[in-house]
């Protein structure tokens, strides 16, 4: 957009937030965390929540496709229909101080969600998500029941698995929420790999060991920047 003197004007906060959301959504596809139009991403911008639309490939989304709703789910911006998982995203924003949510159908994490009710603590990065990662019981996608199960699994956590479905993570930025998704998928892949060896059982971290890591992570990273952990 051109200014009065012919200079381009800086994009407003809503436009910048949408640009970051689309980039994050495309990243989930590029990194193999979703297939096709599965999964969804959202970011809070003041009293509005920007969300990916339902059934539209991320590579087709542009600046004019912004979809925004208020915290009651009423669409206030855009003509494309919001993701069918809107209740899940809104539940996180109502219950936490998060400003970004990433939901994927990552293969290893979804596989783990069919096997256990909690991801075994095979790595200290579980501490970066608040502790052992729980699995929310199965419910129909897009339902309030699923959102309720998810909130229970997310209590004191920044990520959880959805049984026979996928992952949900949240954070103070899209980068942080995405990184937590990637870390969760990696931990699930690690556990599946280790537990697949015949006659061997993976060693797990104790509650005391995880608590020790939790304390150390509070000082990790650079001041003023979101840091998921080492």
C-alpha atoms as a PDB file:
ATOM      1  CA  UNK A   1       0.000   0.000   0.000  1.00  0.00           C
ATOM      2  CA  UNK A   2       1.361   3.434  -0.933  1.00  0.00           C
ATOM      3  CA  UNK A   3       1.475   6.435   1.388  1.00  0.00           C
ATOM      4  CA  UNK A   4       0.743  10.028   0.354  1.00  0.00           C
ATOM      5  CA  UNK A   5       4.400  10.609  -0.497  1.00  0.00           C
ATOM      6  CA  UNK A   6       4.661   7.428  -2.552  1.00  0.00           C
ATOM      7  CA  UNK A   7       6.309   5.502   0.272  1.00  0.00           C
ATOM      8  CA  UNK A   8       4.875   2.080   1.280  1.00  0.00           C
ATOM      9  CA  UNK A   9       2.986   2.166   4.570  1.00  0.00           C
ATOM     10  CA  UNK A  10       3.779  -0.319   7.275  1.00  0.00           C
ATOM     11  CA  UNK A  11       1.184  -3.074   7.599  1.00  0.00           C
ATOM     12  CA  UNK A  12      -1.116  -2.804  10.604  1.00  0.00           C
ATOM     13  CA  UNK A  13      -1.015  -5.272  13.516  1.00  0.00           C
ATOM     14  CA  UNK A  14      -3.864  -7.375  12.130  1.00  0.00           C
ATOM     15  CA  UNK A  15      -2.188  -7.700   8.733  1.00  0.00           C
ATOM     16  CA  UNK A  16       1.155  -8.588  10.335  1.00  0.00           C
ATOM     17  CA  UNK A  17      -0.498 -11.170  12.583  1.00  0.00           C
ATOM     18  CA  UNK A  18      -2.236 -12.764   9.586  1.00  0.00           C
ATOM     19  CA  UNK A  19       1.024 -12.880   7.664  1.00  0.00           C
ATOM     20  CA  UNK A  20       2.747 -14.651  10.577  1.00  0.00           C
ATOM     21  CA  UNK A  21      -0.180 -17.052  10.983  1.00  0.00           C
ATOM     22  CA  UNK A  22      -0.112 -18.068   7.308  1.00  0.00           C
ATOM     23  CA  UNK A  23       3.663 -18.557   7.458  1.00  0.00           C
ATOM     24  CA  UNK A  24       3.294 -20.802  10.510  1.00  0.00           C
ATOM     25  CA  UNK A  25       0.491 -22.803   8.912  1.00  0.00           C
ATOM     26  CA  UNK A  26       2.599 -23.351   5.802  1.00  0.00           C
ATOM     27  CA  UNK A  27       5.473 -24.447   8.026  1.00  0.00           C
ATOM     28  CA  UNK A  28       3.358 -27.193   9.603  1.00  0.00           C
ATOM     29  CA  UNK A  29       2.700 -28.590   6.130  1.00  0.00           C
ATOM     30  CA  UNK A  30       6.305 -28.200   4.936  1.00  0.00           C
ATOM     31  CA  UNK A  31       7.603 -30.000   8.046  1.00  0.00           C
ATOM     32  CA  UNK A  32       5.177 -32.899   7.628  1.00  0.00           C
ATOM     33  CA  UNK A  33       3.088 -32.167  10.707  1.00  0.00           C
ATOM     34  CA  UNK A  34      -0.121 -32.005   8.655  1.00  0.00           C
ATOM     35  CA  UNK A  35      -1.331 -33.407   5.347  1.00  0.00           C
ATOM     36  CA  UNK A  36      -3.534 -31.484   2.937  1.00  0.00           C
ATOM     37  CA  UNK A  37      -5.840 -29.112   4.781  1.00  0.00           C
ATOM     38  CA  UNK A  38      -5.697 -30.921   8.128  1.00  0.00           C
ATOM     39  CA  UNK A  39      -4.627 -29.111  11.281  1.00  0.00           C
ATOM     40  CA  UNK A  40      -5.126 -25.428  12.049  1.00  0.00           C
ATOM     41  CA  UNK A  41      -3.398 -22.410  13.543  1.00  0.00           C
ATOM     42  CA  UNK A  42      -4.622 -19.336  15.385  1.00  0.00           C
ATOM     43  CA  UNK A  43      -3.205 -16.188  16.961  1.00  0.00           C
ATOM     44  CA  UNK A  44      -4.809 -13.681  19.286  1.00  0.00           C
ATOM     45  CA  UNK A  45      -4.640 -10.025  18.329  1.00  0.00           C
ATOM     46  CA  UNK A  46      -6.254  -7.928  21.048  1.00  0.00           C
ATOM     47  CA  UNK A  47      -9.890  -8.982  21.366  1.00  0.00           C
ATOM     48  CA  UNK A  48      -9.805 -10.825  18.064  1.00  0.00           C
ATOM     49  CA  UNK A  49      -8.606 -14.308  17.157  1.00  0.00           C
ATOM     50  CA  UNK A  50      -7.219 -14.892  13.677  1.00  0.00           C
ATOM     51  CA  UNK A  51      -7.668 -18.480  12.489  1.00  0.00           C
ATOM     52  CA  UNK A  52      -6.928 -20.539   9.416  1.00  0.00           C
ATOM     53  CA  UNK A  53     -10.058 -21.141   7.322  1.00  0.00           C
ATOM     54  CA  UNK A  54     -11.732 -24.505   6.840  1.00  0.00           C
ATOM     55  CA  UNK A  55     -10.661 -26.659   3.889  1.00  0.00           C
ATOM     56  CA  UNK A  56      -8.363 -24.156   2.147  1.00  0.00           C
ATOM     57  CA  UNK A  57      -4.777 -25.188   1.285  1.00  0.00           C
ATOM     58  CA  UNK A  58      -2.354 -22.897   3.109  1.00  0.00           C
ATOM     59  CA  UNK A  59      -0.409 -22.041  -0.045  1.00  0.00           C
ATOM     60  CA  UNK A  60      -3.542 -20.410  -1.455  1.00  0.00           C
ATOM     61  CA  UNK A  61      -3.991 -17.993   1.447  1.00  0.00           C
ATOM     62  CA  UNK A  62      -3.102 -14.362   0.859  1.00  0.00           C
ATOM     63  CA  UNK A  63      -3.473 -10.972   2.588  1.00  0.00           C
ATOM     64  CA  UNK A  64      -7.099 -10.664   1.468  1.00  0.00           C
ATOM     65  CA  UNK A  65      -8.131 -13.951   3.076  1.00  0.00           C
ATOM     66  CA  UNK A  66      -7.902 -12.825   6.712  1.00  0.00           C
ATOM     67  CA  UNK A  67     -10.364 -14.673   8.953  1.00  0.00           C
ATOM     68  CA  UNK A  68     -11.018 -13.247  12.416  1.00  0.00           C
ATOM     69  CA  UNK A  69     -13.556 -13.980  15.148  1.00  0.00           C
ATOM     70  CA  UNK A  70     -14.241 -12.501  18.555  1.00  0.00           C
ATOM     71  CA  UNK A  71     -13.835 -14.535  21.738  1.00  0.00           C
ATOM     72  CA  UNK A  72     -17.477 -15.649  21.454  1.00  0.00           C
ATOM     73  CA  UNK A  73     -16.772 -17.135  18.032  1.00  0.00           C
ATOM     74  CA  UNK A  74     -18.613 -14.519  15.970  1.00  0.00           C
ATOM     75  CA  UNK A  75     -16.871 -13.899  12.658  1.00  0.00           C
ATOM     76  CA  UNK A  76     -15.948 -10.237  12.259  1.00  0.00           C
ATOM     77  CA  UNK A  77     -13.459 -10.331   9.387  1.00  0.00           C
ATOM     78  CA  UNK A  78     -13.337 -12.287   6.143  1.00  0.00           C
ATOM     79  CA  UNK A  79     -15.662 -14.312   3.952  1.00  0.00           C
ATOM     80  CA  UNK A  80     -13.955 -17.704   4.305  1.00  0.00           C
ATOM     81  CA  UNK A  81     -15.419 -19.962   6.988  1.00  0.00           C
ATOM     82  CA  UNK A  82     -13.193 -20.425  10.080  1.00  0.00           C
ATOM     83  CA  UNK A  83     -11.636 -23.786  10.885  1.00  0.00           C
ATOM     84  CA  UNK A  84     -14.025 -26.439  12.183  1.00  0.00           C
ATOM     85  CA  UNK A  85     -11.801 -26.669  15.278  1.00  0.00           C
ATOM     86  CA  UNK A  86     -12.666 -23.108  16.331  1.00  0.00           C
ATOM     87  CA  UNK A  87     -14.131 -24.296  19.700  1.00  0.00           C
ATOM     88  CA  UNK A  88     -10.760 -25.867  20.540  1.00  0.00           C
ATOM     89  CA  UNK A  89      -8.836 -22.652  19.863  1.00  0.00           C
ATOM     90  CA  UNK A  90     -11.288 -20.399  21.689  1.00  0.00           C
ATOM     91  CA  UNK A  91     -11.261 -22.701  24.718  1.00  0.00           C
ATOM     92  CA  UNK A  92      -7.496 -22.207  25.047  1.00  0.00           C
ATOM     93  CA  UNK A  93      -7.752 -18.413  24.857  1.00  0.00           C
ATOM     94  CA  UNK A  94     -10.548 -18.293  27.407  1.00  0.00           C
ATOM     95  CA  UNK A  95      -8.697 -20.502  29.878  1.00  0.00           C
ATOM     96  CA  UNK A  96      -5.080 -19.345  29.486  1.00  0.00           C
ATOM     97  CA  UNK A  97      -2.929 -16.309  28.737  1.00  0.00           C
ATOM     98  CA  UNK A  98      -1.806 -17.868  25.433  1.00  0.00           C
ATOM     99  CA  UNK A  99      -1.640 -15.736  22.311  1.00  0.00           C
ATOM    100  CA  UNK A 100      -1.087 -18.549  19.797  1.00  0.00           C
ATOM    101  CA  UNK A 101      -2.360 -22.106  19.268  1.00  0.00           C
ATOM    102  CA  UNK A 102      -1.113 -24.781  16.861  1.00  0.00           C
ATOM    103  CA  UNK A 103      -3.072 -27.969  16.184  1.00  0.00           C
ATOM    104  CA  UNK A 104      -1.584 -30.718  13.991  1.00  0.00           C
ATOM    105  CA  UNK A 105      -2.079 -34.341  12.970  1.00  0.00           C
ATOM    106  CA  UNK A 106       1.607 -35.185  13.380  1.00  0.00           C
ATOM    107  CA  UNK A 107       2.169 -38.887  12.645  1.00  0.00           C
ATOM    108  CA  UNK A 108       4.250 -40.006  15.630  1.00  0.00           C
ATOM    109  CA  UNK A 109       2.266 -37.969  18.142  1.00  0.00           C
ATOM    110  CA  UNK A 110      -1.024 -39.293  16.786  1.00  0.00           C
ATOM    111  CA  UNK A 111       0.330 -42.844  16.931  1.00  0.00           C
ATOM    112  CA  UNK A 112       1.286 -42.365  20.597  1.00  0.00           C
ATOM    113  CA  UNK A 113      -2.193 -41.003  21.331  1.00  0.00           C
ATOM    114  CA  UNK A 114      -3.630 -44.404  20.372  1.00  0.00           C
ATOM    115  CA  UNK A 115      -1.341 -46.319  22.752  1.00  0.00           C
ATOM    116  CA  UNK A 116      -1.143 -44.542  26.118  1.00  0.00           C
ATOM    117  CA  UNK A 117      -2.974 -42.031  28.305  1.00  0.00           C
ATOM    118  CA  UNK A 118       0.225 -40.070  28.953  1.00  0.00           C
ATOM    119  CA  UNK A 119       3.444 -39.812  26.959  1.00  0.00           C
ATOM    120  CA  UNK A 120       6.158 -41.613  28.978  1.00  0.00           C
ATOM    121  CA  UNK A 121       8.843 -39.171  30.132  1.00  0.00           C
ATOM    122  CA  UNK A 122      11.694 -40.303  27.889  1.00  0.00           C
ATOM    123  CA  UNK A 123      13.296 -36.872  27.623  1.00  0.00           C
ATOM    124  CA  UNK A 124      13.664 -33.792  29.781  1.00  0.00           C
ATOM    125  CA  UNK A 125      12.004 -31.587  27.140  1.00  0.00           C
ATOM    126  CA  UNK A 126       8.714 -32.686  28.691  1.00  0.00           C
ATOM    127  CA  UNK A 127       9.508 -30.016  31.283  1.00  0.00           C
ATOM    128  CA  UNK A 128       9.265 -27.344  28.577  1.00  0.00           C
ATOM    129  CA  UNK A 129       5.610 -28.307  28.152  1.00  0.00           C
ATOM    130  CA  UNK A 130       4.948 -28.136  31.891  1.00  0.00           C
ATOM    131  CA  UNK A 131       5.417 -31.820  32.703  1.00  0.00           C
ATOM    132  CA  UNK A 132       4.292 -35.228  31.432  1.00  0.00           C
ATOM    133  CA  UNK A 133       2.147 -34.784  28.329  1.00  0.00           C
ATOM    134  CA  UNK A 134      -1.389 -36.098  28.791  1.00  0.00           C
ATOM    135  CA  UNK A 135      -3.714 -37.596  26.192  1.00  0.00           C
ATOM    136  CA  UNK A 136      -7.213 -36.096  26.006  1.00  0.00           C
ATOM    137  CA  UNK A 137      -9.929 -38.758  25.503  1.00  0.00           C
ATOM    138  CA  UNK A 138     -11.376 -39.041  22.026  1.00  0.00           C
ATOM    139  CA  UNK A 139     -14.321 -36.882  20.999  1.00  0.00           C
ATOM    140  CA  UNK A 140     -15.717 -35.756  17.639  1.00  0.00           C
ATOM    141  CA  UNK A 141     -13.550 -33.132  15.960  1.00  0.00           C
ATOM    142  CA  UNK A 142     -14.862 -29.590  16.225  1.00  0.00           C
ATOM    143  CA  UNK A 143     -17.049 -30.437  19.210  1.00  0.00           C
ATOM    144  CA  UNK A 144     -17.331 -28.696  22.565  1.00  0.00           C
ATOM    145  CA  UNK A 145     -16.750 -32.114  24.138  1.00  0.00           C
ATOM    146  CA  UNK A 146     -13.333 -32.330  22.502  1.00  0.00           C
ATOM    147  CA  UNK A 147     -12.499 -28.805  23.662  1.00  0.00           C
ATOM    148  CA  UNK A 148     -13.442 -29.739  27.239  1.00  0.00           C
ATOM    149  CA  UNK A 149     -11.314 -32.904  27.173  1.00  0.00           C
ATOM    150  CA  UNK A 150      -8.430 -30.891  25.789  1.00  0.00           C
ATOM    151  CA  UNK A 151      -8.607 -28.270  28.552  1.00  0.00           C
ATOM    152  CA  UNK A 152      -8.444 -30.989  31.199  1.00  0.00           C
ATOM    153  CA  UNK A 153      -5.368 -32.485  29.542  1.00  0.00           C
ATOM    154  CA  UNK A 154      -3.790 -29.021  29.249  1.00  0.00           C
ATOM    155  CA  UNK A 155      -4.123 -28.141  32.940  1.00  0.00           C
ATOM    156  CA  UNK A 156      -0.708 -26.703  33.935  1.00  0.00           C
ATOM    157  CA  UNK A 157       0.632 -27.736  30.526  1.00  0.00           C
ATOM    158  CA  UNK A 158       1.319 -25.970  27.234  1.00  0.00           C
ATOM    159  CA  UNK A 159       0.724 -29.053  25.106  1.00  0.00           C
ATOM    160  CA  UNK A 160      -1.291 -32.265  24.965  1.00  0.00           C
ATOM    161  CA  UNK A 161      -2.220 -35.122  22.663  1.00  0.00           C
ATOM    162  CA  UNK A 162      -5.739 -35.741  21.385  1.00  0.00           C
ATOM    163  CA  UNK A 163      -6.574 -39.439  21.288  1.00  0.00           C
ATOM    164  CA  UNK A 164      -6.709 -40.834  17.729  1.00  0.00           C
ATOM    165  CA  UNK A 165      -6.441 -37.266  16.473  1.00  0.00           C
ATOM    166  CA  UNK A 166      -3.255 -35.224  16.949  1.00  0.00           C
ATOM    167  CA  UNK A 167      -1.600 -32.484  18.999  1.00  0.00           C
ATOM    168  CA  UNK A 168      -2.428 -29.112  20.539  1.00  0.00           C
ATOM    169  CA  UNK A 169       0.159 -26.665  21.831  1.00  0.00           C
ATOM    170  CA  UNK A 170      -0.062 -23.032  22.843  1.00  0.00           C
ATOM    171  CA  UNK A 171       2.369 -20.259  23.693  1.00  0.00           C
ATOM    172  CA  UNK A 172       3.106 -16.585  23.926  1.00  0.00           C
ATOM    173  CA  UNK A 173       3.866 -16.395  20.208  1.00  0.00           C
ATOM    174  CA  UNK A 174       3.357 -18.421  17.058  1.00  0.00           C
ATOM    175  CA  UNK A 175       7.037 -19.347  17.059  1.00  0.00           C
ATOM    176  CA  UNK A 176       6.824 -20.689  20.610  1.00  0.00           C
ATOM    177  CA  UNK A 177       3.608 -22.626  19.998  1.00  0.00           C
ATOM    178  CA  UNK A 178       5.059 -24.115  16.817  1.00  0.00           C
ATOM    179  CA  UNK A 179       8.327 -25.082  18.484  1.00  0.00           C
ATOM    180  CA  UNK A 180       6.419 -26.847  21.251  1.00  0.00           C
ATOM    181  CA  UNK A 181       4.523 -28.818  18.601  1.00  0.00           C
ATOM    182  CA  UNK A 182       7.783 -29.840  16.948  1.00  0.00           C
ATOM    183  CA  UNK A 183       9.318 -30.826  20.304  1.00  0.00           C
ATOM    184  CA  UNK A 184       6.237 -32.882  21.187  1.00  0.00           C
ATOM    185  CA  UNK A 185       6.325 -34.739  17.883  1.00  0.00           C
ATOM    186  CA  UNK A 186      10.049 -35.414  18.379  1.00  0.00           C
ATOM    187  CA  UNK A 187       9.498 -36.831  21.874  1.00  0.00           C
ATOM    188  CA  UNK A 188       6.734 -39.090  20.569  1.00  0.00           C
ATOM    189  CA  UNK A 189       8.996 -40.319  17.789  1.00  0.00           C
ATOM    190  CA  UNK A 190      11.777 -40.928  20.336  1.00  0.00           C
ATOM    191  CA  UNK A 191       9.528 -43.028  22.596  1.00  0.00           C
ATOM    192  CA  UNK A 192       8.118 -45.058  19.718  1.00  0.00           C
ATOM    193  CA  UNK A 193      11.630 -45.748  18.423  1.00  0.00           C
ATOM    194  CA  UNK A 194      13.033 -46.795  21.804  1.00  0.00           C
ATOM    195  CA  UNK A 195      10.024 -48.862  22.848  1.00  0.00           C
ATOM    196  CA  UNK A 196      10.012 -50.771  19.537  1.00  0.00           C
ATOM    197  CA  UNK A 197      13.259 -52.619  20.337  1.00  0.00           C
ATOM    198  CA  UNK A 198      12.424 -56.245  21.254  1.00  0.00           C
ATOM    199  CA  UNK A 199      13.193 -57.168  24.849  1.00  0.00           C
ATOM    200  CA  UNK A 200      14.181 -53.642  25.846  1.00  0.00           C
ATOM    201  CA  UNK A 201      12.262 -51.062  27.898  1.00  0.00           C
ATOM    202  CA  UNK A 202      13.185 -47.364  27.653  1.00  0.00           C
ATOM    203  CA  UNK A 203      14.449 -45.740  30.836  1.00  0.00           C
ATOM    204  CA  UNK A 204      12.221 -42.889  32.024  1.00  0.00           C
ATOM    205  CA  UNK A 205      12.953 -39.742  34.010  1.00  0.00           C
ATOM    206  CA  UNK A 206      11.675 -39.540  37.579  1.00  0.00           C
ATOM    207  CA  UNK A 207       9.447 -36.744  38.881  1.00  0.00           C
ATOM    208  CA  UNK A 208      12.435 -35.364  40.812  1.00  0.00           C
ATOM    209  CA  UNK A 209      14.621 -35.323  37.698  1.00  0.00           C
ATOM    210  CA  UNK A 210      11.908 -33.570  35.713  1.00  0.00           C
ATOM    211  CA  UNK A 211      11.439 -30.999  38.498  1.00  0.00           C
ATOM    212  CA  UNK A 212      15.164 -30.292  38.445  1.00  0.00           C
ATOM    213  CA  UNK A 213      15.008 -29.592  34.711  1.00  0.00           C
ATOM    214  CA  UNK A 214      11.942 -27.382  35.182  1.00  0.00           C
ATOM    215  CA  UNK A 215      13.903 -25.178  37.562  1.00  0.00           C
ATOM    216  CA  UNK A 216      16.868 -24.921  35.229  1.00  0.00           C
ATOM    217  CA  UNK A 217      14.724 -24.048  32.209  1.00  0.00           C
ATOM    218  CA  UNK A 218      13.528 -20.867  33.953  1.00  0.00           C
ATOM    219  CA  UNK A 219      16.902 -19.305  33.238  1.00  0.00           C
ATOM    220  CA  UNK A 220      17.363 -20.716  29.751  1.00  0.00           C
ATOM    221  CA  UNK A 221      17.582 -18.659  26.563  1.00  0.00           C
ATOM    222  CA  UNK A 222      17.870 -14.946  25.922  1.00  0.00           C
ATOM    223  CA  UNK A 223      16.050 -12.282  27.982  1.00  0.00           C
ATOM    224  CA  UNK A 224      12.858 -11.082  26.318  1.00  0.00           C
ATOM    225  CA  UNK A 225      12.657 -14.004  23.879  1.00  0.00           C
ATOM    226  CA  UNK A 226      10.430 -17.061  23.904  1.00  0.00           C
ATOM    227  CA  UNK A 227      12.556 -20.129  24.613  1.00  0.00           C
ATOM    228  CA  UNK A 228      11.088 -23.653  24.587  1.00  0.00           C
ATOM    229  CA  UNK A 229      14.259 -25.150  26.083  1.00  0.00           C
ATOM    230  CA  UNK A 230      17.680 -26.448  25.137  1.00  0.00           C
END
